[in-house]
Amino acid sequence: ASLNWGQPVLDSVLTTVQGGTLIYRGHAA
C-alpha cells in the first residue's frame, strides 16, 4: 500500500495516457 510510482490504482473516468497519447474522457488533449 506504499505510494510509490504507479500505486495505488484507482478507477476514474477522467484522464489516461495510452501509447503516449494524453486523453481527457475519450478526447485527445
mmCIF file of all heavy atoms, coordinates in Angstrom:
data_MODEL
# 
_entry.id   MODEL 
# 
loop_
_atom_site.group_PDB 
_atom_site.id 
_atom_site.type_symbol 
_atom_site.label_atom_id 
_atom_site.label_alt_id 
_atom_site.label_comp_id 
_atom_site.label_asym_id 
_atom_site.label_entity_id 
_atom_site.label_seq_id 
_atom_site.pdbx_PDB_ins_code 
_atom_site.Cartn_x 
_atom_site.Cartn_y 
_atom_site.Cartn_z 
_atom_site.occupancy 
_atom_site.B_iso_or_equiv 
_atom_site.pdbx_formal_charge 
_atom_site.auth_seq_id 
_atom_site.auth_comp_id 
_atom_site.auth_asym_id 
_atom_site.auth_atom_id 
_atom_site.pdbx_PDB_model_num 
ATOM 1   N N   . ALA A 1 1  ? 0.813   -1.203 0.000   1.00 0.00 ? 1  ALA A N   1 
ATOM 2   C CA  . ALA A 1 1  ? 0.000   0.000  0.000   1.00 0.00 ? 1  ALA A CA  1 
ATOM 3   C C   . ALA A 1 1  ? 0.846   1.251  0.000   1.00 0.00 ? 1  ALA A C   1 
ATOM 4   O O   . ALA A 1 1  ? 0.341   2.344  0.164   1.00 0.00 ? 1  ALA A O   1 
ATOM 5   C CB  . ALA A 1 1  ? -0.912  0.016  1.233   1.00 0.00 ? 1  ALA A CB  1 
ATOM 6   N N   . SER A 1 2  ? 2.171   1.121  -0.131  1.00 0.00 ? 2  SER A N   1 
ATOM 7   C CA  . SER A 1 2  ? 3.020   2.304  -0.172  1.00 0.00 ? 2  SER A CA  1 
ATOM 8   C C   . SER A 1 2  ? 2.773   3.058  -1.462  1.00 0.00 ? 2  SER A C   1 
ATOM 9   O O   . SER A 1 2  ? 2.489   2.461  -2.498  1.00 0.00 ? 2  SER A O   1 
ATOM 10  C CB  . SER A 1 2  ? 4.490   1.904  -0.070  1.00 0.00 ? 2  SER A CB  1 
ATOM 11  O OG  . SER A 1 2  ? 4.826   1.026  -1.113  1.00 0.00 ? 2  SER A OG  1 
ATOM 12  N N   . LEU A 1 3  ? 2.874   4.386  -1.412  1.00 0.00 ? 3  LEU A N   1 
ATOM 13  C CA  . LEU A 1 3  ? 2.515   5.213  -2.553  1.00 0.00 ? 3  LEU A CA  1 
ATOM 14  C C   . LEU A 1 3  ? 3.716   5.467  -3.454  1.00 0.00 ? 3  LEU A C   1 
ATOM 15  O O   . LEU A 1 3  ? 4.115   6.592  -3.698  1.00 0.00 ? 3  LEU A O   1 
ATOM 16  C CB  . LEU A 1 3  ? 1.909   6.534  -2.051  1.00 0.00 ? 3  LEU A CB  1 
ATOM 17  C CG  . LEU A 1 3  ? 0.704   6.371  -1.134  1.00 0.00 ? 3  LEU A CG  1 
ATOM 18  C CD1 . LEU A 1 3  ? 0.111   7.732  -0.824  1.00 0.00 ? 3  LEU A CD1 1 
ATOM 19  C CD2 . LEU A 1 3  ? -0.335  5.459  -1.739  1.00 0.00 ? 3  LEU A CD2 1 
ATOM 20  N N   . ASN A 1 4  ? 4.321   4.402  -3.952  1.00 0.00 ? 4  ASN A N   1 
ATOM 21  C CA  . ASN A 1 4  ? 5.393   4.538  -4.920  1.00 0.00 ? 4  ASN A CA  1 
ATOM 22  C C   . ASN A 1 4  ? 4.806   4.809  -6.287  1.00 0.00 ? 4  ASN A C   1 
ATOM 23  O O   . ASN A 1 4  ? 3.591   4.740  -6.487  1.00 0.00 ? 4  ASN A O   1 
ATOM 24  C CB  . ASN A 1 4  ? 6.243   3.262  -4.954  1.00 0.00 ? 4  ASN A CB  1 
ATOM 25  C CG  . ASN A 1 4  ? 6.996   3.052  -3.657  1.00 0.00 ? 4  ASN A CG  1 
ATOM 26  O OD1 . ASN A 1 4  ? 7.437   4.011  -3.043  1.00 0.00 ? 4  ASN A OD1 1 
ATOM 27  N ND2 . ASN A 1 4  ? 7.112   1.814  -3.222  1.00 0.00 ? 4  ASN A ND2 1 
ATOM 28  N N   . TRP A 1 5  ? 5.676   5.095  -7.264  1.00 0.00 ? 5  TRP A N   1 
ATOM 29  C CA  . TRP A 1 5  ? 5.203   5.403  -8.612  1.00 0.00 ? 5  TRP A CA  1 
ATOM 30  C C   . TRP A 1 5  ? 4.353   4.247  -9.124  1.00 0.00 ? 5  TRP A C   1 
ATOM 31  O O   . TRP A 1 5  ? 4.770   3.102  -9.131  1.00 0.00 ? 5  TRP A O   1 
ATOM 32  C CB  . TRP A 1 5  ? 6.386   5.632  -9.545  1.00 0.00 ? 5  TRP A CB  1 
ATOM 33  C CG  . TRP A 1 5  ? 5.947   5.934  -10.932 1.00 0.00 ? 5  TRP A CG  1 
ATOM 34  C CD1 . TRP A 1 5  ? 5.704   5.052  -11.929 1.00 0.00 ? 5  TRP A CD1 1 
ATOM 35  C CD2 . TRP A 1 5  ? 5.665   7.219  -11.470 1.00 0.00 ? 5  TRP A CD2 1 
ATOM 36  N NE1 . TRP A 1 5  ? 5.292   5.687  -13.055 1.00 0.00 ? 5  TRP A NE1 1 
ATOM 37  C CE2 . TRP A 1 5  ? 5.263   7.018  -12.804 1.00 0.00 ? 5  TRP A CE2 1 
ATOM 38  C CE3 . TRP A 1 5  ? 5.714   8.525  -10.964 1.00 0.00 ? 5  TRP A CE3 1 
ATOM 39  C CZ2 . TRP A 1 5  ? 4.914   8.077  -13.634 1.00 0.00 ? 5  TRP A CZ2 1 
ATOM 40  C CZ3 . TRP A 1 5  ? 5.382   9.558  -11.796 1.00 0.00 ? 5  TRP A CZ3 1 
ATOM 41  C CH2 . TRP A 1 5  ? 4.989   9.339  -13.099 1.00 0.00 ? 5  TRP A CH2 1 
ATOM 42  N N   . GLY A 1 6  ? 3.173   4.567  -9.615  1.00 0.00 ? 6  GLY A N   1 
ATOM 43  C CA  . GLY A 1 6  ? 2.299   3.567  -10.190 1.00 0.00 ? 6  GLY A CA  1 
ATOM 44  C C   . GLY A 1 6  ? 1.273   2.993  -9.235  1.00 0.00 ? 6  GLY A C   1 
ATOM 45  O O   . GLY A 1 6  ? 0.352   2.314  -9.656  1.00 0.00 ? 6  GLY A O   1 
ATOM 46  N N   . GLN A 1 7  ? 1.386   3.241  -7.938  1.00 0.00 ? 7  GLN A N   1 
ATOM 47  C CA  . GLN A 1 7  ? 0.403   2.789  -6.977  1.00 0.00 ? 7  GLN A CA  1 
ATOM 48  C C   . GLN A 1 7  ? -0.044  3.953  -6.109  1.00 0.00 ? 7  GLN A C   1 
ATOM 49  O O   . GLN A 1 7  ? 0.735   4.871  -5.881  1.00 0.00 ? 7  GLN A O   1 
ATOM 50  C CB  . GLN A 1 7  ? 0.991   1.693  -6.075  1.00 0.00 ? 7  GLN A CB  1 
ATOM 51  C CG  . GLN A 1 7  ? 1.213   0.371  -6.762  1.00 0.00 ? 7  GLN A CG  1 
ATOM 52  C CD  . GLN A 1 7  ? 2.549   0.293  -7.424  1.00 0.00 ? 7  GLN A CD  1 
ATOM 53  O OE1 . GLN A 1 7  ? 3.493   0.922  -6.963  1.00 0.00 ? 7  GLN A OE1 1 
ATOM 54  N NE2 . GLN A 1 7  ? 2.662   -0.449 -8.489  1.00 0.00 ? 7  GLN A NE2 1 
ATOM 55  N N   . PRO A 1 8  ? -1.282  3.983  -5.616  1.00 0.00 ? 8  PRO A N   1 
ATOM 56  C CA  . PRO A 1 8  ? -2.328  2.999  -5.862  1.00 0.00 ? 8  PRO A CA  1 
ATOM 57  C C   . PRO A 1 8  ? -2.984  3.197  -7.221  1.00 0.00 ? 8  PRO A C   1 
ATOM 58  O O   . PRO A 1 8  ? -2.773  4.225  -7.862  1.00 0.00 ? 8  PRO A O   1 
ATOM 59  C CB  . PRO A 1 8  ? -3.336  3.290  -4.747  1.00 0.00 ? 8  PRO A CB  1 
ATOM 60  C CG  . PRO A 1 8  ? -3.223  4.760  -4.545  1.00 0.00 ? 8  PRO A CG  1 
ATOM 61  C CD  . PRO A 1 8  ? -1.762  5.081  -4.747  1.00 0.00 ? 8  PRO A CD  1 
ATOM 62  N N   . VAL A 1 9  ? -3.763  2.229  -7.648  1.00 0.00 ? 9  VAL A N   1 
ATOM 63  C CA  . VAL A 1 9  ? -4.522  2.332  -8.888  1.00 0.00 ? 9  VAL A CA  1 
ATOM 64  C C   . VAL A 1 9  ? -5.978  2.519  -8.516  1.00 0.00 ? 9  VAL A C   1 
ATOM 65  O O   . VAL A 1 9  ? -6.557  1.703  -7.796  1.00 0.00 ? 9  VAL A O   1 
ATOM 66  C CB  . VAL A 1 9  ? -4.335  1.071  -9.759  1.00 0.00 ? 9  VAL A CB  1 
ATOM 67  C CG1 . VAL A 1 9  ? -5.235  1.130  -10.980 1.00 0.00 ? 9  VAL A CG1 1 
ATOM 68  C CG2 . VAL A 1 9  ? -2.887  0.931  -10.178 1.00 0.00 ? 9  VAL A CG2 1 
ATOM 69  N N   . LEU A 1 10 ? -6.581  3.616  -8.981  1.00 0.00 ? 10 LEU A N   1 
ATOM 70  C CA  . LEU A 1 10 ? -7.979  3.934  -8.680  1.00 0.00 ? 10 LEU A CA  1 
ATOM 71  C C   . LEU A 1 10 ? -8.773  3.997  -9.979  1.00 0.00 ? 10 LEU A C   1 
ATOM 72  O O   . LEU A 1 10 ? -8.257  4.396  -11.013 1.00 0.00 ? 10 LEU A O   1 
ATOM 73  C CB  . LEU A 1 10 ? -8.081  5.287  -7.957  1.00 0.00 ? 10 LEU A CB  1 
ATOM 74  C CG  . LEU A 1 10 ? -7.327  5.444  -6.637  1.00 0.00 ? 10 LEU A CG  1 
ATOM 75  C CD1 . LEU A 1 10 ? -7.500  6.853  -6.105  1.00 0.00 ? 10 LEU A CD1 1 
ATOM 76  C CD2 . LEU A 1 10 ? -7.826  4.436  -5.617  1.00 0.00 ? 10 LEU A CD2 1 
ATOM 77  N N   . ASP A 1 11 ? -10.038 3.611  -9.901  1.00 0.00 ? 11 ASP A N   1 
ATOM 78  C CA  . ASP A 1 11 ? -10.921 3.751  -11.049 1.00 0.00 ? 11 ASP A CA  1 
ATOM 79  C C   . ASP A 1 11 ? -11.266 5.214  -11.265 1.00 0.00 ? 11 ASP A C   1 
ATOM 80  O O   . ASP A 1 11 ? -11.569 5.948  -10.318 1.00 0.00 ? 11 ASP A O   1 
ATOM 81  C CB  . ASP A 1 11 ? -12.212 2.954  -10.834 1.00 0.00 ? 11 ASP A CB  1 
ATOM 82  C CG  . ASP A 1 11 ? -11.981 1.457  -10.859 1.00 0.00 ? 11 ASP A CG  1 
ATOM 83  O OD1 . ASP A 1 11 ? -10.982 1.026  -11.462 1.00 0.00 ? 11 ASP A OD1 1 
ATOM 84  O OD2 . ASP A 1 11 ? -12.798 0.716  -10.277 1.00 0.00 ? 11 ASP A OD2 1 
ATOM 85  N N   . SER A 1 12 ? -11.203 5.675  -12.513 1.00 0.00 ? 12 SER A N   1 
ATOM 86  C CA  . SER A 1 12 ? -11.546 7.060  -12.839 1.00 0.00 ? 12 SER A CA  1 
ATOM 87  C C   . SER A 1 12 ? -11.974 7.127  -14.291 1.00 0.00 ? 12 SER A C   1 
ATOM 88  O O   . SER A 1 12 ? -11.440 6.407  -15.145 1.00 0.00 ? 12 SER A O   1 
ATOM 89  C CB  . SER A 1 12 ? -10.339 7.978  -12.607 1.00 0.00 ? 12 SER A CB  1 
ATOM 90  O OG  . SER A 1 12 ? -10.625 9.304  -13.041 1.00 0.00 ? 12 SER A OG  1 
ATOM 91  N N   . VAL A 1 13 ? -12.916 8.008  -14.587 1.00 0.00 ? 13 VAL A N   1 
ATOM 92  C CA  . VAL A 1 13 ? -13.363 8.215  -15.969 1.00 0.00 ? 13 VAL A CA  1 
ATOM 93  C C   . VAL A 1 13 ? -12.691 9.427  -16.590 1.00 0.00 ? 13 VAL A C   1 
ATOM 94  O O   . VAL A 1 13 ? -12.997 9.790  -17.722 1.00 0.00 ? 13 VAL A O   1 
ATOM 95  C CB  . VAL A 1 13 ? -14.899 8.412  -16.037 1.00 0.00 ? 13 VAL A CB  1 
ATOM 96  C CG1 . VAL A 1 13 ? -15.628 7.219  -15.446 1.00 0.00 ? 13 VAL A CG1 1 
ATOM 97  C CG2 . VAL A 1 13 ? -15.336 9.705  -15.337 1.00 0.00 ? 13 VAL A CG2 1 
ATOM 98  N N   . LEU A 1 14 ? -11.760 10.064 -15.891 1.00 0.00 ? 14 LEU A N   1 
ATOM 99  C CA  . LEU A 1 14 ? -11.303 11.394 -16.289 1.00 0.00 ? 14 LEU A CA  1 
ATOM 100 C C   . LEU A 1 14 ? -10.204 11.379 -17.344 1.00 0.00 ? 14 LEU A C   1 
ATOM 101 O O   . LEU A 1 14 ? -10.390 11.876 -18.449 1.00 0.00 ? 14 LEU A O   1 
ATOM 102 C CB  . LEU A 1 14 ? -10.834 12.164 -15.046 1.00 0.00 ? 14 LEU A CB  1 
ATOM 103 C CG  . LEU A 1 14 ? -11.901 12.376 -13.968 1.00 0.00 ? 14 LEU A CG  1 
ATOM 104 C CD1 . LEU A 1 14 ? -11.301 13.099 -12.769 1.00 0.00 ? 14 LEU A CD1 1 
ATOM 105 C CD2 . LEU A 1 14 ? -13.082 13.131 -14.532 1.00 0.00 ? 14 LEU A CD2 1 
ATOM 106 N N   . THR A 1 15 ? -9.043  10.866 -17.004 1.00 0.00 ? 15 THR A N   1 
ATOM 107 C CA  . THR A 1 15 ? -7.868  11.056 -17.845 1.00 0.00 ? 15 THR A CA  1 
ATOM 108 C C   . THR A 1 15 ? -7.023  9.801  -17.857 1.00 0.00 ? 15 THR A C   1 
ATOM 109 O O   . THR A 1 15 ? -6.916  9.104  -16.844 1.00 0.00 ? 15 THR A O   1 
ATOM 110 C CB  . THR A 1 15 ? -7.016  12.234 -17.320 1.00 0.00 ? 15 THR A CB  1 
ATOM 111 O OG1 . THR A 1 15 ? -7.827  13.386 -17.214 1.00 0.00 ? 15 THR A OG1 1 
ATOM 112 C CG2 . THR A 1 15 ? -5.861  12.537 -18.260 1.00 0.00 ? 15 THR A CG2 1 
ATOM 113 N N   . THR A 1 16 ? -6.390  9.540  -18.993 1.00 0.00 ? 16 THR A N   1 
ATOM 114 C CA  . THR A 1 16 ? -5.455  8.431  -19.086 1.00 0.00 ? 16 THR A CA  1 
ATOM 115 C C   . THR A 1 16 ? -4.369  8.783  -20.092 1.00 0.00 ? 16 THR A C   1 
ATOM 116 O O   . THR A 1 16 ? -4.513  9.720  -20.883 1.00 0.00 ? 16 THR A O   1 
ATOM 117 C CB  . THR A 1 16 ? -6.169  7.132  -19.510 1.00 0.00 ? 16 THR A CB  1 
ATOM 118 O OG1 . THR A 1 16 ? -5.253  6.034  -19.432 1.00 0.00 ? 16 THR A OG1 1 
ATOM 119 C CG2 . THR A 1 16 ? -6.693  7.225  -20.940 1.00 0.00 ? 16 THR A CG2 1 
ATOM 120 N N   . VAL A 1 17 ? -3.277  8.044  -20.035 1.00 0.00 ? 17 VAL A N   1 
ATOM 121 C CA  . VAL A 1 17 ? -2.206  8.139  -21.023 1.00 0.00 ? 17 VAL A CA  1 
ATOM 122 C C   . VAL A 1 17 ? -2.072  6.765  -21.655 1.00 0.00 ? 17 VAL A C   1 
ATOM 123 O O   . VAL A 1 17 ? -1.768  5.783  -20.971 1.00 0.00 ? 17 VAL A O   1 
ATOM 124 C CB  . VAL A 1 17 ? -0.869  8.565  -20.388 1.00 0.00 ? 17 VAL A CB  1 
ATOM 125 C CG1 . VAL A 1 17 ? 0.236   8.576  -21.433 1.00 0.00 ? 17 VAL A CG1 1 
ATOM 126 C CG2 . VAL A 1 17 ? -1.003  9.941  -19.742 1.00 0.00 ? 17 VAL A CG2 1 
ATOM 127 N N   . GLN A 1 18 ? -2.315  6.679  -22.955 1.00 0.00 ? 18 GLN A N   1 
ATOM 128 C CA  . GLN A 1 18 ? -2.261  5.412  -23.678 1.00 0.00 ? 18 GLN A CA  1 
ATOM 129 C C   . GLN A 1 18 ? -1.384  5.573  -24.909 1.00 0.00 ? 18 GLN A C   1 
ATOM 130 O O   . GLN A 1 18 ? -1.671  6.409  -25.770 1.00 0.00 ? 18 GLN A O   1 
ATOM 131 C CB  . GLN A 1 18 ? -3.668  4.964  -24.097 1.00 0.00 ? 18 GLN A CB  1 
ATOM 132 C CG  . GLN A 1 18 ? -4.606  4.652  -22.934 1.00 0.00 ? 18 GLN A CG  1 
ATOM 133 C CD  . GLN A 1 18 ? -5.978  4.199  -23.403 1.00 0.00 ? 18 GLN A CD  1 
ATOM 134 O OE1 . GLN A 1 18 ? -6.244  4.107  -24.590 1.00 0.00 ? 18 GLN A OE1 1 
ATOM 135 N NE2 . GLN A 1 18 ? -6.857  3.926  -22.449 1.00 0.00 ? 18 GLN A NE2 1 
ATOM 136 N N   . GLY A 1 19 ? -0.325  4.780  -24.972 1.00 0.00 ? 19 GLY A N   1 
ATOM 137 C CA  . GLY A 1 19 ? 0.555   4.834  -26.128 1.00 0.00 ? 19 GLY A CA  1 
ATOM 138 C C   . GLY A 1 19 ? 1.122   6.204  -26.394 1.00 0.00 ? 19 GLY A C   1 
ATOM 139 O O   . GLY A 1 19 ? 1.290   6.603  -27.553 1.00 0.00 ? 19 GLY A O   1 
ATOM 140 N N   . GLY A 1 20 ? 1.426   6.943  -25.337 1.00 0.00 ? 20 GLY A N   1 
ATOM 141 C CA  . GLY A 1 20 ? 1.981   8.278  -25.489 1.00 0.00 ? 20 GLY A CA  1 
ATOM 142 C C   . GLY A 1 20 ? 0.956   9.350  -25.794 1.00 0.00 ? 20 GLY A C   1 
ATOM 143 O O   . GLY A 1 20 ? 1.327   10.502 -26.052 1.00 0.00 ? 20 GLY A O   1 
ATOM 144 N N   . THR A 1 21 ? -0.341  9.015  -25.749 1.00 0.00 ? 21 THR A N   1 
ATOM 145 C CA  . THR A 1 21 ? -1.415  9.987  -26.019 1.00 0.00 ? 21 THR A CA  1 
ATOM 146 C C   . THR A 1 21 ? -2.132  10.330 -24.735 1.00 0.00 ? 21 THR A C   1 
ATOM 147 O O   . THR A 1 21 ? -2.598  9.440  -24.014 1.00 0.00 ? 21 THR A O   1 
ATOM 148 C CB  . THR A 1 21 ? -2.422  9.410  -27.040 1.00 0.00 ? 21 THR A CB  1 
ATOM 149 O OG1 . THR A 1 21 ? -1.754  9.128  -28.260 1.00 0.00 ? 21 THR A OG1 1 
ATOM 150 C CG2 . THR A 1 21 ? -3.550  10.396 -27.307 1.00 0.00 ? 21 THR A CG2 1 
ATOM 151 N N   . LEU A 1 22 ? -2.238  11.620 -24.438 1.00 0.00 ? 22 LEU A N   1 
ATOM 152 C CA  . LEU A 1 22 ? -2.973  12.103 -23.271 1.00 0.00 ? 22 LEU A CA  1 
ATOM 153 C C   . LEU A 1 22 ? -4.439  12.259 -23.660 1.00 0.00 ? 22 LEU A C   1 
ATOM 154 O O   . LEU A 1 22 ? -4.768  12.939 -24.638 1.00 0.00 ? 22 LEU A O   1 
ATOM 155 C CB  . LEU A 1 22 ? -2.402  13.441 -22.799 1.00 0.00 ? 22 LEU A CB  1 
ATOM 156 C CG  . LEU A 1 22 ? -3.118  14.143 -21.645 1.00 0.00 ? 22 LEU A CG  1 
ATOM 157 C CD1 . LEU A 1 22 ? -3.115  13.286 -20.386 1.00 0.00 ? 22 LEU A CD1 1 
ATOM 158 C CD2 . LEU A 1 22 ? -2.476  15.504 -21.370 1.00 0.00 ? 22 LEU A CD2 1 
ATOM 159 N N   . ILE A 1 23 ? -5.337  11.625 -22.894 1.00 0.00 ? 23 ILE A N   1 
ATOM 160 C CA  . ILE A 1 23 ? -6.755  11.551 -23.258 1.00 0.00 ? 23 ILE A CA  1 
ATOM 161 C C   . ILE A 1 23 ? -7.602  12.084 -22.109 1.00 0.00 ? 23 ILE A C   1 
ATOM 162 O O   . ILE A 1 23 ? -7.481  11.621 -20.972 1.00 0.00 ? 23 ILE A O   1 
ATOM 163 C CB  . ILE A 1 23 ? -7.160  10.103 -23.576 1.00 0.00 ? 23 ILE A CB  1 
ATOM 164 C CG1 . ILE A 1 23 ? -6.306  9.554  -24.734 1.00 0.00 ? 23 ILE A CG1 1 
ATOM 165 C CG2 . ILE A 1 23 ? -8.641  10.008 -23.925 1.00 0.00 ? 23 ILE A CG2 1 
ATOM 166 C CD1 . ILE A 1 23 ? -6.449  8.062  -24.935 1.00 0.00 ? 23 ILE A CD1 1 
ATOM 167 N N   . TYR A 1 24 ? -8.466  13.062 -22.419 1.00 0.00 ? 24 TYR A N   1 
ATOM 168 C CA  . TYR A 1 24 ? -9.454  13.565 -21.463 1.00 0.00 ? 24 TYR A CA  1 
ATOM 169 C C   . TYR A 1 24 ? -10.820 12.985 -21.839 1.00 0.00 ? 24 TYR A C   1 
ATOM 170 O O   . TYR A 1 24 ? -11.411 13.357 -22.848 1.00 0.00 ? 24 TYR A O   1 
ATOM 171 C CB  . TYR A 1 24 ? -9.570  15.091 -21.523 1.00 0.00 ? 24 TYR A CB  1 
ATOM 172 C CG  . TYR A 1 24 ? -8.325  15.888 -21.220 1.00 0.00 ? 24 TYR A CG  1 
ATOM 173 C CD1 . TYR A 1 24 ? -8.194  17.196 -21.686 1.00 0.00 ? 24 TYR A CD1 1 
ATOM 174 C CD2 . TYR A 1 24 ? -7.282  15.374 -20.456 1.00 0.00 ? 24 TYR A CD2 1 
ATOM 175 C CE1 . TYR A 1 24 ? -7.076  17.959 -21.411 1.00 0.00 ? 24 TYR A CE1 1 
ATOM 176 C CE2 . TYR A 1 24 ? -6.162  16.122 -20.171 1.00 0.00 ? 24 TYR A CE2 1 
ATOM 177 C CZ  . TYR A 1 24 ? -6.054  17.419 -20.658 1.00 0.00 ? 24 TYR A CZ  1 
ATOM 178 O OH  . TYR A 1 24 ? -4.946  18.173 -20.387 1.00 0.00 ? 24 TYR A OH  1 
ATOM 179 N N   . ARG A 1 25 ? -11.322 12.072 -21.063 1.00 0.00 ? 25 ARG A N   1 
ATOM 180 C CA  . ARG A 1 25 ? -12.660 11.494 -21.281 1.00 0.00 ? 25 ARG A CA  1 
ATOM 181 C C   . ARG A 1 25 ? -12.904 11.118 -22.745 1.00 0.00 ? 25 ARG A C   1 
ATOM 182 O O   . ARG A 1 25 ? -13.919 11.475 -23.334 1.00 0.00 ? 25 ARG A O   1 
ATOM 183 C CB  . ARG A 1 25 ? -13.743 12.451 -20.804 1.00 0.00 ? 25 ARG A CB  1 
ATOM 184 C CG  . ARG A 1 25 ? -13.897 12.488 -19.283 1.00 0.00 ? 25 ARG A CG  1 
ATOM 185 C CD  . ARG A 1 25 ? -15.280 12.966 -18.901 1.00 0.00 ? 25 ARG A CD  1 
ATOM 186 N NE  . ARG A 1 25 ? -15.477 12.989 -17.460 1.00 0.00 ? 25 ARG A NE  1 
ATOM 187 C CZ  . ARG A 1 25 ? -16.622 12.683 -16.861 1.00 0.00 ? 25 ARG A CZ  1 
ATOM 188 N NH1 . ARG A 1 25 ? -17.662 12.317 -17.575 1.00 0.00 ? 25 ARG A NH1 1 
ATOM 189 N NH2 . ARG A 1 25 ? -16.732 12.746 -15.544 1.00 0.00 ? 25 ARG A NH2 1 
ATOM 190 N N   . GLY A 1 26 ? -11.963 10.408 -23.320 1.00 0.00 ? 26 GLY A N   1 
ATOM 191 C CA  . GLY A 1 26 ? -12.119 9.921  -24.677 1.00 0.00 ? 26 GLY A CA  1 
ATOM 192 C C   . GLY A 1 26 ? -11.688 10.888 -25.762 1.00 0.00 ? 26 GLY A C   1 
ATOM 193 O O   . GLY A 1 26 ? -11.755 10.557 -26.947 1.00 0.00 ? 26 GLY A O   1 
ATOM 194 N N   . HIS A 1 27 ? -11.219 12.082 -25.399 1.00 0.00 ? 27 HIS A N   1 
ATOM 195 C CA  . HIS A 1 27 ? -10.780 13.085 -26.371 1.00 0.00 ? 27 HIS A CA  1 
ATOM 196 C C   . HIS A 1 27 ? -9.276  13.318 -26.214 1.00 0.00 ? 27 HIS A C   1 
ATOM 197 O O   . HIS A 1 27 ? -8.788  13.522 -25.097 1.00 0.00 ? 27 HIS A O   1 
ATOM 198 C CB  . HIS A 1 27 ? -11.523 14.411 -26.166 1.00 0.00 ? 27 HIS A CB  1 
ATOM 199 C CG  . HIS A 1 27 ? -12.995 14.316 -26.415 1.00 0.00 ? 27 HIS A CG  1 
ATOM 200 N ND1 . HIS A 1 27 ? -13.588 14.734 -27.590 1.00 0.00 ? 27 HIS A ND1 1 
ATOM 201 C CD2 . HIS A 1 27 ? -14.000 13.856 -25.635 1.00 0.00 ? 27 HIS A CD2 1 
ATOM 202 C CE1 . HIS A 1 27 ? -14.888 14.544 -27.529 1.00 0.00 ? 27 HIS A CE1 1 
ATOM 203 N NE2 . HIS A 1 27 ? -15.171 14.009 -26.348 1.00 0.00 ? 27 HIS A NE2 1 
ATOM 204 N N   . ALA A 1 28 ? -8.544  13.304 -27.323 1.00 0.00 ? 28 ALA A N   1 
ATOM 205 C CA  . ALA A 1 28 ? -7.105  13.545 -27.279 1.00 0.00 ? 28 ALA A CA  1 
ATOM 206 C C   . ALA A 1 28 ? -6.841  14.988 -26.872 1.00 0.00 ? 28 ALA A C   1 
ATOM 207 O O   . ALA A 1 28 ? -7.380  15.927 -27.473 1.00 0.00 ? 28 ALA A O   1 
ATOM 208 C CB  . ALA A 1 28 ? -6.471  13.255 -28.633 1.00 0.00 ? 28 ALA A CB  1 
ATOM 209 N N   . ALA A 1 29 ? -6.010  15.179 -25.852 1.00 0.00 ? 29 ALA A N   1 
ATOM 210 C CA  . ALA A 1 29 ? -5.729  16.531 -25.345 1.00 0.00 ? 29 ALA A CA  1 
ATOM 211 C C   . ALA A 1 29 ? -5.095  17.403 -26.416 1.00 0.00 ? 29 ALA A C   1 
ATOM 212 O O   . ALA A 1 29 ? -5.383  18.607 -26.494 1.00 0.00 ? 29 ALA A O   1 
ATOM 213 C CB  . ALA A 1 29 ? -4.835  16.453 -24.112 1.00 0.00 ? 29 ALA A CB  1 
# 
